[in-house]
Amino acid sequence: MVEFLIWLVAALGALGGLVLGRFWGRVEGKRQGKREAERDAMEETIGKVERGRDAVRDGRNAGDPAERLRRNDGRW
């Protein structure tokens, strides 16, 4: 009888470990996914800022302001 109880406790411990491991893995997966999404958003924001800075720089150095106005007039 004692042997059976030891076996039962061991089986319940293994089952509890399995459930706890799956739960822990799911929580870590969600946490990692959230971190990855934040990192991707930050990289995208940095890229947008750099493209905007390049556009402003290229727009300011595009030559004569009167000529720029004539070129842009057709775009409106």
Protein backbone atom coordinates (compact mmCIF):
# COMPACT_ATOMS: atom_id res chain seq x y z
CA MET A 1 0.00 0.00 0.00
CA VAL A 2 2.83 2.41 0.82
CA GLU A 3 4.45 1.56 -2.49
CA PHE A 4 1.23 2.45 -4.30
CA LEU A 5 1.01 5.83 -2.49
CA ILE A 6 4.62 6.64 -3.42
CA TRP A 7 3.85 5.73 -7.02
CA LEU A 8 0.68 7.86 -6.95
CA VAL A 9 2.51 10.89 -5.50
CA ALA A 10 5.24 10.55 -8.13
CA ALA A 11 2.66 10.34 -10.93
CA LEU A 12 0.79 13.37 -9.61
CA GLY A 13 4.09 15.26 -9.31
CA ALA A 14 4.97 14.44 -12.91
CA LEU A 15 1.51 15.50 -14.09
CA GLY A 16 1.74 18.73 -12.06
CA GLY A 17 5.18 19.42 -13.55
CA LEU A 18 3.82 18.90 -17.04
CA VAL A 19 0.92 21.30 -16.48
CA LEU A 20 3.18 23.87 -14.85
CA GLY A 21 5.69 23.59 -17.70
CA ARG A 22 3.02 24.17 -20.35
CA PHE A 23 1.64 27.15 -18.45
CA TRP A 24 5.12 28.64 -17.98
CA GLY A 25 5.92 28.14 -21.67
CA ARG A 26 2.73 29.89 -22.73
CA VAL A 27 3.44 32.87 -20.46
CA GLU A 28 7.02 33.15 -21.73
CA GLY A 29 5.82 32.91 -25.33
CA LYS A 30 3.37 35.75 -24.87
CA ARG A 31 6.01 37.86 -23.14
CA GLN A 32 8.53 37.22 -25.91
CA GLY A 33 5.94 38.00 -28.59
CA LYS A 34 5.13 41.30 -26.93
CA ARG A 35 8.82 42.23 -26.73
CA GLU A 36 9.32 41.34 -30.39
CA ALA A 37 6.32 43.43 -31.44
CA GLU A 38 7.61 46.42 -29.48
CA ARG A 39 11.06 46.03 -31.03
CA ASP A 40 9.58 45.82 -34.55
CA ALA A 41 7.48 48.91 -33.93
CA MET A 42 10.52 50.81 -32.67
CA GLU A 43 12.57 49.81 -35.74
CA GLU A 44 9.72 50.90 -38.01
CA THR A 45 9.45 54.25 -36.22
CA ILE A 46 13.20 54.82 -36.51
CA GLY A 47 13.02 54.03 -40.23
CA LYS A 48 10.16 56.48 -40.74
CA VAL A 49 12.01 59.22 -38.88
CA GLU A 50 15.15 58.69 -40.97
CA ARG A 51 13.18 58.70 -44.23
CA GLY A 52 11.49 61.93 -43.14
CA ARG A 53 14.81 63.53 -42.30
CA ASP A 54 16.19 62.50 -45.69
CA ALA A 55 13.14 63.95 -47.44
CA VAL A 56 13.47 67.26 -45.59
CA ARG A 57 17.18 67.42 -46.30
CA ASP A 58 16.67 66.67 -50.00
CA GLY A 59 13.81 69.17 -50.20
CA ARG A 60 15.84 71.99 -48.69
CA ASN A 61 18.82 71.37 -50.94
CA ALA A 62 16.81 71.04 -54.13
CA GLY A 63 17.98 74.30 -55.65
CA ASP A 64 16.33 77.63 -56.29
CA PRO A 65 13.16 78.14 -54.21
CA ALA A 66 11.32 79.71 -57.16
CA GLU A 67 12.13 76.70 -59.32
CA ARG A 68 10.95 74.33 -56.59
CA LEU A 69 7.67 76.27 -56.40
CA ARG A 70 7.17 75.90 -60.17
CA ARG A 71 7.88 72.15 -60.02
CA ASN A 72 5.55 71.64 -57.08
CA ASP A 73 2.78 73.78 -58.58
CA GLY A 74 1.75 70.99 -60.94
CA ARG A 75 1.49 68.50 -58.08
CA TRP A 76 -1.25 70.43 -56.31
